[in-house]
PDB file of N, CA and C in Angstrom:
ATOM      1  N   MET A   1       0.892  -0.986   0.353  1.00  0.00           N
ATOM      2  CA  MET A   1      -0.348  -0.375   0.133  1.00  0.00           C
ATOM      3  C   MET A   1       1.201   1.477  -0.163  1.00  0.00           C
ATOM      4  N   THR A   2       0.742   2.332  -0.580  1.00  0.00           N
ATOM      5  CA  THR A   2       1.536   3.380  -0.873  1.00  0.00           C
ATOM      6  C   THR A   2       0.758   4.300   0.123  1.00  0.00           C
ATOM      7  N   GLU A   3       2.029   5.673   0.309  1.00  0.00           N
ATOM      8  CA  GLU A   3       1.442   6.580   1.601  1.00  0.00           C
ATOM      9  C   GLU A   3       0.028   6.814   1.572  1.00  0.00           C
ATOM     10  N   ILE A   4      -0.182   7.380  -0.101  1.00  0.00           N
ATOM     11  CA  ILE A   4      -1.234   8.207   0.300  1.00  0.00           C
ATOM     12  C   ILE A   4      -2.073   7.105   0.526  1.00  0.00           C
ATOM     13  N   GLU A   5      -2.285   6.319  -0.228  1.00  0.00           N
ATOM     14  CA  GLU A   5      -3.518   4.809  -0.212  1.00  0.00           C
ATOM     15  C   GLU A   5      -3.989   4.542   1.761  1.00  0.00           C
ATOM     16  N   LEU A   6      -2.548   4.418   1.895  1.00  0.00           N
ATOM     17  CA  LEU A   6      -2.838   3.794   3.941  1.00  0.00           C
ATOM     18  C   LEU A   6      -3.241   5.518   4.300  1.00  0.00           C
ATOM     19  N   LYS A   7      -3.062   6.489   3.936  1.00  0.00           N
ATOM     20  CA  LYS A   7      -3.737   7.849   4.654  1.00  0.00           C
ATOM     21  C   LYS A   7      -5.137   7.481   4.388  1.00  0.00           C
ATOM     22  N   GLU A   8      -5.763   7.186   3.214  1.00  0.00           N
ATOM     23  CA  GLU A   8      -7.011   7.854   2.807  1.00  0.00           C
ATOM     24  C   GLU A   8      -7.838   6.452   3.865  1.00  0.00           C
ATOM     25  N   GLU A   9      -6.989   5.464   4.099  1.00  0.00           N
ATOM     26  CA  GLU A   9      -7.563   4.005   4.504  1.00  0.00           C
ATOM     27  C   GLU A   9      -7.667   4.425   6.151  1.00  0.00           C
ATOM     28  N   ILE A  10      -6.788   5.104   6.466  1.00  0.00           N
ATOM     29  CA  ILE A  10      -6.780   5.575   7.712  1.00  0.00           C
ATOM     30  C   ILE A  10      -8.146   6.503   8.115  1.00  0.00           C
ATOM     31  N   GLU A  11      -8.003   7.233   6.974  1.00  0.00           N
ATOM     32  CA  GLU A  11      -9.497   8.802   7.297  1.00  0.00           C
ATOM     33  C   GLU A  11     -10.070   7.819   7.142  1.00  0.00           C
ATOM     34  N   LYS A  12     -10.905   6.944   6.356  1.00  0.00           N
ATOM     35  CA  LYS A  12     -11.881   6.039   5.964  1.00  0.00           C
ATOM     36  C   LYS A  12     -12.507   5.338   7.585  1.00  0.00           C
ATOM     37  N   THR A  13     -11.163   4.520   7.964  1.00  0.00           N
ATOM     38  CA  THR A  13     -11.462   4.266   9.368  1.00  0.00           C
ATOM     39  C   THR A  13     -11.878   4.744  10.397  1.00  0.00           C
ATOM     40  N   ARG A  14     -11.262   5.944  10.307  1.00  0.00           N
ATOM     41  CA  ARG A  14     -11.639   7.076  11.295  1.00  0.00           C
ATOM     42  C   ARG A  14     -13.210   7.465  11.538  1.00  0.00           C
ATOM     43  N   ASN A  15     -13.150   7.634  10.075  1.00  0.00           N
ATOM     44  CA  ASN A  15     -14.884   7.962  10.174  1.00  0.00           C
ATOM     45  C   ASN A  15     -16.271   6.444  10.707  1.00  0.00           C
ATOM     46  N   VAL A  16     -15.330   5.814   9.832  1.00  0.00           N
ATOM     47  CA  VAL A  16     -16.442   4.696  10.332  1.00  0.00           C
ATOM     48  C   VAL A  16     -16.522   4.763  12.238  1.00  0.00           C
ATOM     49  N   LEU A  17     -15.278   4.718  13.121  1.00  0.00           N
ATOM     50  CA  LEU A  17     -14.952   4.467  13.789  1.00  0.00           C
ATOM     51  C   LEU A  17     -15.517   5.478  14.905  1.00  0.00           C
ATOM     52  N   ASN A  18     -16.207   6.816  14.383  1.00  0.00           N
ATOM     53  CA  ASN A  18     -16.405   8.029  14.798  1.00  0.00           C
ATOM     54  C   ASN A  18     -18.373   7.512  14.837  1.00  0.00           C
ATOM     55  N   MET A  19     -18.707   7.091  13.516  1.00  0.00           N
ATOM     56  CA  MET A  19     -19.950   6.598  13.148  1.00  0.00           C
ATOM     57  C   MET A  19     -20.422   5.434  14.278  1.00  0.00           C
ATOM     58  N   ALA A  20     -19.469   4.638  14.418  1.00  0.00           N
ATOM     59  CA  ALA A  20     -19.913   3.365  15.056  1.00  0.00           C
ATOM     60  C   ALA A  20     -20.027   3.723  16.976  1.00  0.00           C
ATOM     61  N   VAL A  21     -19.429   5.015  17.234  1.00  0.00           N
ATOM     62  CA  VAL A  21     -19.240   5.393  18.259  1.00  0.00           C
ATOM     63  C   VAL A  21     -20.652   6.244  18.661  1.00  0.00           C
ATOM     64  N   ARG A  22     -20.817   7.290  17.699  1.00  0.00           N
ATOM     65  CA  ARG A  22     -21.814   7.902  16.966  1.00  0.00           C
ATOM     66  C   ARG A  22     -23.385   7.258  17.430  1.00  0.00           C
ATOM     67  N   GLU A  23     -23.073   6.512  16.969  1.00  0.00           N
ATOM     68  CA  GLU A  23     -24.249   5.168  16.351  1.00  0.00           C
ATOM     69  C   GLU A  23     -25.014   4.033  18.026  1.00  0.00           C
ATOM     70  N   ARG A  24     -23.839   3.975  18.585  1.00  0.00           N
ATOM     71  CA  ARG A  24     -23.798   3.064  19.853  1.00  0.00           C
ATOM     72  C   ARG A  24     -23.552   1.509  19.454  1.00  0.00           C
ATOM     73  N   TRP A  25     -22.786   1.564  18.374  1.00  0.00           N
ATOM     74  CA  TRP A  25     -22.584  -0.041  18.086  1.00  0.00           C
ATOM     75  C   TRP A  25     -21.902  -0.560  19.146  1.00  0.00           C
ATOM     76  N   GLY A  26     -22.049  -1.859  18.510  1.00  0.00           N
ATOM     77  CA  GLY A  26     -21.700  -2.813  19.784  1.00  0.00           C
ATOM     78  C   GLY A  26     -20.116  -2.501  20.468  1.00  0.00           C
ATOM     79  N   SER A  27     -19.706  -3.034  21.711  1.00  0.00           N
ATOM     80  CA  SER A  27     -18.558  -2.515  21.919  1.00  0.00           C
ATOM     81  C   SER A  27     -17.519  -3.255  21.543  1.00  0.00           C
ATOM     82  N   GLY A  28     -17.675  -4.548  20.889  1.00  0.00           N
ATOM     83  CA  GLY A  28     -17.263  -4.881  20.738  1.00  0.00           C
ATOM     84  C   GLY A  28     -16.929  -4.539  18.994  1.00  0.00           C
ATOM     85  N   LYS A  29     -17.803  -4.524  17.820  1.00  0.00           N
ATOM     86  CA  LYS A  29     -17.560  -3.812  16.731  1.00  0.00           C
ATOM     87  C   LYS A  29     -16.137  -2.946  17.229  1.00  0.00           C
ATOM     88  N   VAL A  30     -17.013  -1.502  17.821  1.00  0.00           N
ATOM     89  CA  VAL A  30     -16.414  -0.524  17.891  1.00  0.00           C
ATOM     90  C   VAL A  30     -14.799  -0.608  18.104  1.00  0.00           C
ATOM     91  N   LEU A  31     -14.691  -1.846  19.410  1.00  0.00           N
ATOM     92  CA  LEU A  31     -12.932  -2.435  19.575  1.00  0.00           C
ATOM     93  C   LEU A  31     -12.738  -3.025  18.360  1.00  0.00           C
ATOM     94  N   ASP A  32     -13.162  -3.631  17.438  1.00  0.00           N
ATOM     95  CA  ASP A  32     -12.149  -4.206  16.526  1.00  0.00           C
ATOM     96  C   ASP A  32     -12.128  -3.136  15.393  1.00  0.00           C
ATOM     97  N   ILE A  33     -12.980  -1.895  15.314  1.00  0.00           N
ATOM     98  CA  ILE A  33     -12.474  -1.189  14.471  1.00  0.00           C
ATOM     99  C   ILE A  33     -11.449  -0.116  14.935  1.00  0.00           C
ATOM    100  N   SER A  34     -11.200   0.004  16.389  1.00  0.00           N
ATOM    101  CA  SER A  34      -9.962   0.777  17.035  1.00  0.00           C
ATOM    102  C   SER A  34      -8.811  -0.224  16.763  1.00  0.00           C
ATOM    103  N   ARG A  35      -9.341  -1.120  17.122  1.00  0.00           N
ATOM    104  CA  ARG A  35      -7.465  -2.220  16.759  1.00  0.00           C
ATOM    105  C   ARG A  35      -7.129  -1.701  15.318  1.00  0.00           C
ATOM    106  N   ASN A  36      -7.973  -1.832  14.271  1.00  0.00           N
ATOM    107  CA  ASN A  36      -7.815  -1.358  12.931  1.00  0.00           C
ATOM    108  C   ASN A  36      -7.300  -0.633  12.576  1.00  0.00           C
ATOM    109  N   LEU A  37      -7.973   0.869  13.327  1.00  0.00           N
ATOM    110  CA  LEU A  37      -7.171   1.824  12.930  1.00  0.00           C
ATOM    111  C   LEU A  37      -5.617   1.526  13.748  1.00  0.00           C
ATOM    112  N   ASP A  38      -5.589   1.400  14.925  1.00  0.00           N
ATOM    113  CA  ASP A  38      -4.158   1.508  15.263  1.00  0.00           C
ATOM    114  C   ASP A  38      -3.105   0.908  14.277  1.00  0.00           C
ATOM    115  N   CYS A  39      -3.786  -0.342  13.900  1.00  0.00           N
ATOM    116  CA  CYS A  39      -2.565  -1.063  13.077  1.00  0.00           C
ATOM    117  C   CYS A  39      -2.366   0.002  11.974  1.00  0.00           C
ATOM    118  N   LEU A  40      -3.161   0.209  11.493  1.00  0.00           N
ATOM    119  CA  LEU A  40      -3.430   0.813  10.092  1.00  0.00           C
ATOM    120  C   LEU A  40      -2.152   2.058  10.509  1.00  0.00           C
ATOM    121  N   ILE A  41      -2.531   3.176  11.576  1.00  0.00           N
ATOM    122  CA  ILE A  41      -1.487   4.229  11.604  1.00  0.00           C
ATOM    123  C   ILE A  41      -0.029   3.701  12.287  1.00  0.00           C
ATOM    124  N   GLU A  42       0.029   2.046  13.096  1.00  0.00           N
ATOM    125  CA  GLU A  42       1.425   1.934  13.380  1.00  0.00           C
ATOM    126  C   GLU A  42       1.825   1.427  12.175  1.00  0.00           C
ATOM    127  N   GLU A  43       1.445   0.870  10.813  1.00  0.00           N
ATOM    128  CA  GLU A  43       2.207   0.628   9.627  1.00  0.00           C
ATOM    129  C   GLU A  43       2.201   2.101   9.074  1.00  0.00           C
ATOM    130  N   TYR A  44       1.647   2.994   8.949  1.00  0.00           N
ATOM    131  CA  TYR A  44       2.306   4.512   8.404  1.00  0.00           C
ATOM    132  C   TYR A  44       3.362   4.841   9.061  1.00  0.00           C
ATOM    133  N   LEU A  45       3.541   4.988  10.298  1.00  0.00           N
ATOM    134  CA  LEU A  45       4.325   5.231  11.350  1.00  0.00           C
ATOM    135  C   LEU A  45       5.517   4.680  10.739  1.00  0.00           C
ATOM    136  N   GLU A  46       5.728   3.305  10.604  1.00  0.00           N
ATOM    137  CA  GLU A  46       6.567   2.682  10.366  1.00  0.00           C
ATOM    138  C   GLU A  46       7.126   2.995   8.478  1.00  0.00           C
ATOM    139  N   MET A  47       6.264   3.415   7.645  1.00  0.00           N
ATOM    140  CA  MET A  47       6.520   3.496   6.481  1.00  0.00           C
ATOM    141  C   MET A  47       7.417   5.147   6.850  1.00  0.00           C
ATOM    142  N   CYS A  48       6.617   5.679   7.354  1.00  0.00           N
ATOM    143  CA  CYS A  48       7.516   7.454   7.404  1.00  0.00           C
ATOM    144  C   CYS A  48       8.437   7.273   8.126  1.00  0.00           C
ATOM    145  N   ASN A  49       9.088   6.319   9.476  1.00  0.00           N
ATOM    146  CA  ASN A  49      10.048   6.180   9.959  1.00  0.00           C
ATOM    147  C   ASN A  49      11.631   5.455   8.727  1.00  0.00           C
ATOM    148  N   GLN A  50      10.887   4.301   8.062  1.00  0.00           N
ATOM    149  CA  GLN A  50      11.894   3.826   7.108  1.00  0.00           C
ATOM    150  C   GLN A  50      12.110   5.192   6.162  1.00  0.00           C
ATOM    151  N   LYS A  51      11.413   6.098   5.823  1.00  0.00           N
ATOM    152  CA  LYS A  51      11.700   7.086   4.638  1.00  0.00           C
ATOM    153  C   LYS A  51      12.764   8.166   5.628  1.00  0.00           C
ATOM    154  N   VAL A  52      12.590   8.300   6.205  1.00  0.00           N
ATOM    155  CA  VAL A  52      13.407   9.228   7.526  1.00  0.00           C
ATOM    156  C   VAL A  52      15.175   8.656   8.022  1.00  0.00           C
ATOM    157  N   ALA A  53      14.611   6.982   7.875  1.00  0.00           N
ATOM    158  CA  ALA A  53      16.904   6.339   7.916  1.00  0.00           C
ATOM    159  C   ALA A  53      16.906   6.676   6.584  1.00  0.00           C
ATOM    160  N   VAL A  54      16.145   6.719   5.299  1.00  0.00           N
ATOM    161  CA  VAL A  54      16.756   6.239   4.259  1.00  0.00           C
ATOM    162  C   VAL A  54      17.000   7.173   3.729  1.00  0.00           C
ATOM    163  N   GLY A  55      16.506   8.737   4.263  1.00  0.00           N
ATOM    164  CA  GLY A  55      16.778   9.980   4.285  1.00  0.00           C
ATOM    165  C   GLY A  55      16.049  10.560   2.948  1.00  0.00           C
ATOM    166  N   GLN A  56      14.976  10.380   2.578  1.00  0.00           N
ATOM    167  CA  GLN A  56      14.179  10.647   1.958  1.00  0.00           C
ATOM    168  C   GLN A  56      13.511  12.105   2.025  1.00  0.00           C
TER     169      GLN A  56
END
């Protein structure tokens, strides 16, 4: 996944999480979405750290 695609996926997942909280979806579903968002953010940070390490 490219950096741009990853940013878009993070934004999409944030919106879903916000909707899930707003509409009071079950706590298990909210937790699953939150964990997915955490993984996407972690992947994005790793990608950024690799770019910095390479000097881009």
